[in-house]
């Protein structure tokens, strides 16, 4: 699975204004990026993501989180990328703030496809160089181009 199959430029946002100040507001911002692709309400999707986070944090460490959910009303995998330069407390494994949030929603009954997408995103974000470029990106277009370039290099 390629990232281009789940991520479009319209779902990439660089939060330079300080909108995302904590885990809940970061998840709300991700939900606003993801919801239109599925005809969902952003508030309901944000609640689903927050509910998933209450089970176990998706903050992986190294400034990365991959919030995700499987939903009945969703027909295909969709990703969104939110970059929060100053970071937000997210309950990450290493205790550090999260700056790169890659959200993923998919159909509840497509577990295998969902896991493949999560694995691809995780593999992509292992690159310290990519994480740095995302945090330093001036525009969403620049961040999106960095993701696509590195995804192509994964083979």
C-alpha atoms as a PDB file:
ATOM      1  CA  UNK A   1       0.000   0.000   0.000  1.00  0.00           C
ATOM      2  CA  UNK A   2       1.275   3.433  -0.931  1.00  0.00           C
ATOM      3  CA  UNK A   3       0.564   6.563   1.098  1.00  0.00           C
ATOM      4  CA  UNK A   4      -0.883   8.163  -2.052  1.00  0.00           C
ATOM      5  CA  UNK A   5      -3.724   5.633  -1.789  1.00  0.00           C
ATOM      6  CA  UNK A   6      -4.882   7.129   1.513  1.00  0.00           C
ATOM      7  CA  UNK A   7      -3.482  10.676   1.756  1.00  0.00           C
ATOM      8  CA  UNK A   8      -4.329  13.680  -0.408  1.00  0.00           C
ATOM      9  CA  UNK A   9      -2.837  17.162  -0.180  1.00  0.00           C
ATOM     10  CA  UNK A  10      -6.162  18.586   1.082  1.00  0.00           C
ATOM     11  CA  UNK A  11      -5.770  16.509   4.228  1.00  0.00           C
ATOM     12  CA  UNK A  12      -2.389  17.937   5.240  1.00  0.00           C
ATOM     13  CA  UNK A  13      -2.274  20.855   7.674  1.00  0.00           C
ATOM     14  CA  UNK A  14       0.612  22.724   9.297  1.00  0.00           C
ATOM     15  CA  UNK A  15      -0.610  24.166  12.604  1.00  0.00           C
ATOM     16  CA  UNK A  16       1.439  27.300  12.929  1.00  0.00           C
ATOM     17  CA  UNK A  17      -1.362  29.259  14.589  1.00  0.00           C
ATOM     18  CA  UNK A  18      -1.542  27.317  17.813  1.00  0.00           C
ATOM     19  CA  UNK A  19      -4.972  25.810  17.175  1.00  0.00           C
ATOM     20  CA  UNK A  20      -3.946  22.373  18.478  1.00  0.00           C
ATOM     21  CA  UNK A  21      -2.956  22.944  22.090  1.00  0.00           C
ATOM     22  CA  UNK A  22      -3.630  19.515  23.584  1.00  0.00           C
ATOM     23  CA  UNK A  23      -4.568  15.981  22.602  1.00  0.00           C
ATOM     24  CA  UNK A  24      -8.300  16.732  22.268  1.00  0.00           C
ATOM     25  CA  UNK A  25      -7.848  19.794  20.046  1.00  0.00           C
ATOM     26  CA  UNK A  26      -5.267  17.966  17.902  1.00  0.00           C
ATOM     27  CA  UNK A  27      -7.739  15.107  17.391  1.00  0.00           C
ATOM     28  CA  UNK A  28     -10.455  17.634  16.531  1.00  0.00           C
ATOM     29  CA  UNK A  29      -8.177  19.147  13.885  1.00  0.00           C
ATOM     30  CA  UNK A  30      -7.466  15.683  12.435  1.00  0.00           C
ATOM     31  CA  UNK A  31     -11.194  14.882  12.437  1.00  0.00           C
ATOM     32  CA  UNK A  32     -11.911  18.085  10.504  1.00  0.00           C
ATOM     33  CA  UNK A  33      -9.423  16.958   7.856  1.00  0.00           C
ATOM     34  CA  UNK A  34     -10.771  13.391   7.668  1.00  0.00           C
ATOM     35  CA  UNK A  35     -14.547  13.750   8.090  1.00  0.00           C
ATOM     36  CA  UNK A  36     -15.432  15.360   4.714  1.00  0.00           C
ATOM     37  CA  UNK A  37     -14.007  12.383   2.814  1.00  0.00           C
ATOM     38  CA  UNK A  38     -16.643  10.164   4.400  1.00  0.00           C
ATOM     39  CA  UNK A  39     -19.593  12.513   4.844  1.00  0.00           C
ATOM     40  CA  UNK A  40     -19.129  12.340   8.606  1.00  0.00           C
ATOM     41  CA  UNK A  41     -19.461  15.042  11.207  1.00  0.00           C
ATOM     42  CA  UNK A  42     -16.090  16.182  12.530  1.00  0.00           C
ATOM     43  CA  UNK A  43     -17.316  16.227  16.140  1.00  0.00           C
ATOM     44  CA  UNK A  44     -18.494  12.616  16.010  1.00  0.00           C
ATOM     45  CA  UNK A  45     -15.242  11.492  14.386  1.00  0.00           C
ATOM     46  CA  UNK A  46     -13.190  13.393  16.974  1.00  0.00           C
ATOM     47  CA  UNK A  47     -15.116  11.569  19.720  1.00  0.00           C
ATOM     48  CA  UNK A  48     -14.309   8.227  18.065  1.00  0.00           C
ATOM     49  CA  UNK A  49     -10.603   9.087  17.868  1.00  0.00           C
ATOM     50  CA  UNK A  50     -10.593  10.276  21.478  1.00  0.00           C
ATOM     51  CA  UNK A  51     -12.396   7.102  22.570  1.00  0.00           C
ATOM     52  CA  UNK A  52      -9.712   5.024  20.836  1.00  0.00           C
ATOM     53  CA  UNK A  53      -7.039   7.081  22.621  1.00  0.00           C
ATOM     54  CA  UNK A  54      -8.665   6.330  25.983  1.00  0.00           C
ATOM     55  CA  UNK A  55      -7.927   2.629  25.405  1.00  0.00           C
ATOM     56  CA  UNK A  56      -4.238   3.245  24.667  1.00  0.00           C
ATOM     57  CA  UNK A  57      -2.315   6.252  23.431  1.00  0.00           C
ATOM     58  CA  UNK A  58      -1.252   6.141  19.794  1.00  0.00           C
ATOM     59  CA  UNK A  59       1.727   8.361  20.671  1.00  0.00           C
ATOM     60  CA  UNK A  60       4.586   6.162  19.491  1.00  0.00           C
ATOM     61  CA  UNK A  61       7.452   8.353  20.644  1.00  0.00           C
ATOM     62  CA  UNK A  62      10.000  10.429  18.729  1.00  0.00           C
ATOM     63  CA  UNK A  63       7.331  13.148  18.369  1.00  0.00           C
ATOM     64  CA  UNK A  64       4.938  10.903  16.409  1.00  0.00           C
ATOM     65  CA  UNK A  65       1.347   9.753  16.959  1.00  0.00           C
ATOM     66  CA  UNK A  66      -0.875   7.745  14.630  1.00  0.00           C
ATOM     67  CA  UNK A  67      -4.452   8.174  15.889  1.00  0.00           C
ATOM     68  CA  UNK A  68      -6.748   5.739  14.115  1.00  0.00           C
ATOM     69  CA  UNK A  69     -10.197   4.185  14.168  1.00  0.00           C
ATOM     70  CA  UNK A  70     -12.270   1.626  12.316  1.00  0.00           C
ATOM     71  CA  UNK A  71     -15.839   2.820  11.731  1.00  0.00           C
ATOM     72  CA  UNK A  72     -19.004   1.234  10.330  1.00  0.00           C
ATOM     73  CA  UNK A  73     -19.877   4.332   8.279  1.00  0.00           C
ATOM     74  CA  UNK A  74     -16.509   4.446   6.508  1.00  0.00           C
ATOM     75  CA  UNK A  75     -16.009   2.671   3.168  1.00  0.00           C
ATOM     76  CA  UNK A  76     -12.287   3.232   2.519  1.00  0.00           C
ATOM     77  CA  UNK A  77      -9.013   3.995   4.285  1.00  0.00           C
ATOM     78  CA  UNK A  78      -8.287   7.708   4.570  1.00  0.00           C
ATOM     79  CA  UNK A  79      -5.324   9.458   6.165  1.00  0.00           C
ATOM     80  CA  UNK A  80      -4.622  13.007   7.278  1.00  0.00           C
ATOM     81  CA  UNK A  81      -1.385  14.641   8.402  1.00  0.00           C
ATOM     82  CA  UNK A  82      -1.266  17.321  11.073  1.00  0.00           C
ATOM     83  CA  UNK A  83       2.046  18.949  11.992  1.00  0.00           C
ATOM     84  CA  UNK A  84       2.107  20.850  15.297  1.00  0.00           C
ATOM     85  CA  UNK A  85       5.519  22.503  15.507  1.00  0.00           C
ATOM     86  CA  UNK A  86       5.491  23.312  19.212  1.00  0.00           C
ATOM     87  CA  UNK A  87       4.108  19.862  20.063  1.00  0.00           C
ATOM     88  CA  UNK A  88       1.224  18.687  22.199  1.00  0.00           C
ATOM     89  CA  UNK A  89       1.127  16.408  25.217  1.00  0.00           C
ATOM     90  CA  UNK A  90      -0.201  13.099  23.931  1.00  0.00           C
ATOM     91  CA  UNK A  91       0.726  10.425  26.445  1.00  0.00           C
ATOM     92  CA  UNK A  92       3.413   9.136  24.088  1.00  0.00           C
ATOM     93  CA  UNK A  93       5.495   6.120  25.076  1.00  0.00           C
ATOM     94  CA  UNK A  94       8.596   8.275  25.568  1.00  0.00           C
ATOM     95  CA  UNK A  95       6.705  11.058  27.383  1.00  0.00           C
ATOM     96  CA  UNK A  96       7.741  13.645  24.776  1.00  0.00           C
ATOM     97  CA  UNK A  97       5.302  16.022  23.065  1.00  0.00           C
ATOM     98  CA  UNK A  98       3.948  14.950  19.688  1.00  0.00           C
ATOM     99  CA  UNK A  99       4.581  17.142  16.641  1.00  0.00           C
ATOM    100  CA  UNK A 100       3.635  14.824  13.770  1.00  0.00           C
ATOM    101  CA  UNK A 101       0.146  13.305  13.863  1.00  0.00           C
ATOM    102  CA  UNK A 102      -0.838  10.979  11.049  1.00  0.00           C
ATOM    103  CA  UNK A 103      -4.530  10.104  11.455  1.00  0.00           C
ATOM    104  CA  UNK A 104      -6.150   7.101   9.774  1.00  0.00           C
ATOM    105  CA  UNK A 105      -9.776   5.992   9.565  1.00  0.00           C
ATOM    106  CA  UNK A 106     -11.070   2.977   7.728  1.00  0.00           C
ATOM    107  CA  UNK A 107     -13.936   0.507   7.580  1.00  0.00           C
ATOM    108  CA  UNK A 108     -14.403  -1.446  10.789  1.00  0.00           C
ATOM    109  CA  UNK A 109     -14.477  -4.744   8.881  1.00  0.00           C
ATOM    110  CA  UNK A 110     -11.248  -4.100   6.899  1.00  0.00           C
ATOM    111  CA  UNK A 111      -8.793  -4.892   9.664  1.00  0.00           C
ATOM    112  CA  UNK A 112      -6.061  -6.278   7.406  1.00  0.00           C
ATOM    113  CA  UNK A 113      -6.089  -3.254   5.114  1.00  0.00           C
ATOM    114  CA  UNK A 114      -6.146  -0.927   8.125  1.00  0.00           C
ATOM    115  CA  UNK A 115      -3.142  -2.688   9.674  1.00  0.00           C
ATOM    116  CA  UNK A 116      -1.204  -2.507   6.379  1.00  0.00           C
ATOM    117  CA  UNK A 117      -1.868   1.240   6.179  1.00  0.00           C
ATOM    118  CA  UNK A 118      -0.780   1.720   9.805  1.00  0.00           C
ATOM    119  CA  UNK A 119       2.383  -0.293   9.167  1.00  0.00           C
ATOM    120  CA  UNK A 120       3.228   1.785   6.087  1.00  0.00           C
ATOM    121  CA  UNK A 121       2.715   5.050   7.969  1.00  0.00           C
ATOM    122  CA  UNK A 122       4.767   3.790  10.910  1.00  0.00           C
ATOM    123  CA  UNK A 123       7.581   2.649   8.630  1.00  0.00           C
ATOM    124  CA  UNK A 124       7.581   5.999   6.852  1.00  0.00           C
ATOM    125  CA  UNK A 125       7.726   7.987  10.099  1.00  0.00           C
ATOM    126  CA  UNK A 126      10.717   6.024  11.439  1.00  0.00           C
ATOM    127  CA  UNK A 127      12.860   8.375   9.373  1.00  0.00           C
ATOM    128  CA  UNK A 128      14.243  11.128  11.603  1.00  0.00           C
ATOM    129  CA  UNK A 129      15.016  13.107   8.454  1.00  0.00           C
ATOM    130  CA  UNK A 130      11.381  12.991   7.289  1.00  0.00           C
ATOM    131  CA  UNK A 131      10.108  13.954  10.736  1.00  0.00           C
ATOM    132  CA  UNK A 132      12.488  16.932  10.753  1.00  0.00           C
ATOM    133  CA  UNK A 133      11.409  18.021   7.252  1.00  0.00           C
ATOM    134  CA  UNK A 134       7.739  17.788   8.227  1.00  0.00           C
ATOM    135  CA  UNK A 135       8.257  19.920  11.332  1.00  0.00           C
ATOM    136  CA  UNK A 136      10.260  22.478   9.350  1.00  0.00           C
ATOM    137  CA  UNK A 137       7.850  22.549   6.382  1.00  0.00           C
ATOM    138  CA  UNK A 138       6.567  26.040   5.659  1.00  0.00           C
ATOM    139  CA  UNK A 139       3.504  24.853   3.738  1.00  0.00           C
ATOM    140  CA  UNK A 140       1.214  21.855   3.558  1.00  0.00           C
ATOM    141  CA  UNK A 141       2.362  21.364  -0.037  1.00  0.00           C
ATOM    142  CA  UNK A 142       5.973  21.070   1.119  1.00  0.00           C
ATOM    143  CA  UNK A 143       5.034  18.542   3.832  1.00  0.00           C
ATOM    144  CA  UNK A 144       2.934  16.518   1.385  1.00  0.00           C
ATOM    145  CA  UNK A 145       5.769  16.455  -1.164  1.00  0.00           C
ATOM    146  CA  UNK A 146       8.180  15.191   1.516  1.00  0.00           C
ATOM    147  CA  UNK A 147       5.815  12.363   2.462  1.00  0.00           C
ATOM    148  CA  UNK A 148       5.299  11.333  -1.157  1.00  0.00           C
ATOM    149  CA  UNK A 149       9.019  11.383  -1.935  1.00  0.00           C
ATOM    150  CA  UNK A 150       9.911   9.248   1.065  1.00  0.00           C
ATOM    151  CA  UNK A 151       6.990   6.888   0.429  1.00  0.00           C
ATOM    152  CA  UNK A 152       8.215   6.328  -3.132  1.00  0.00           C
ATOM    153  CA  UNK A 153      11.651   5.500  -1.738  1.00  0.00           C
ATOM    154  CA  UNK A 154      10.253   2.745   0.518  1.00  0.00           C
ATOM    155  CA  UNK A 155       9.484   0.602  -2.511  1.00  0.00           C
END
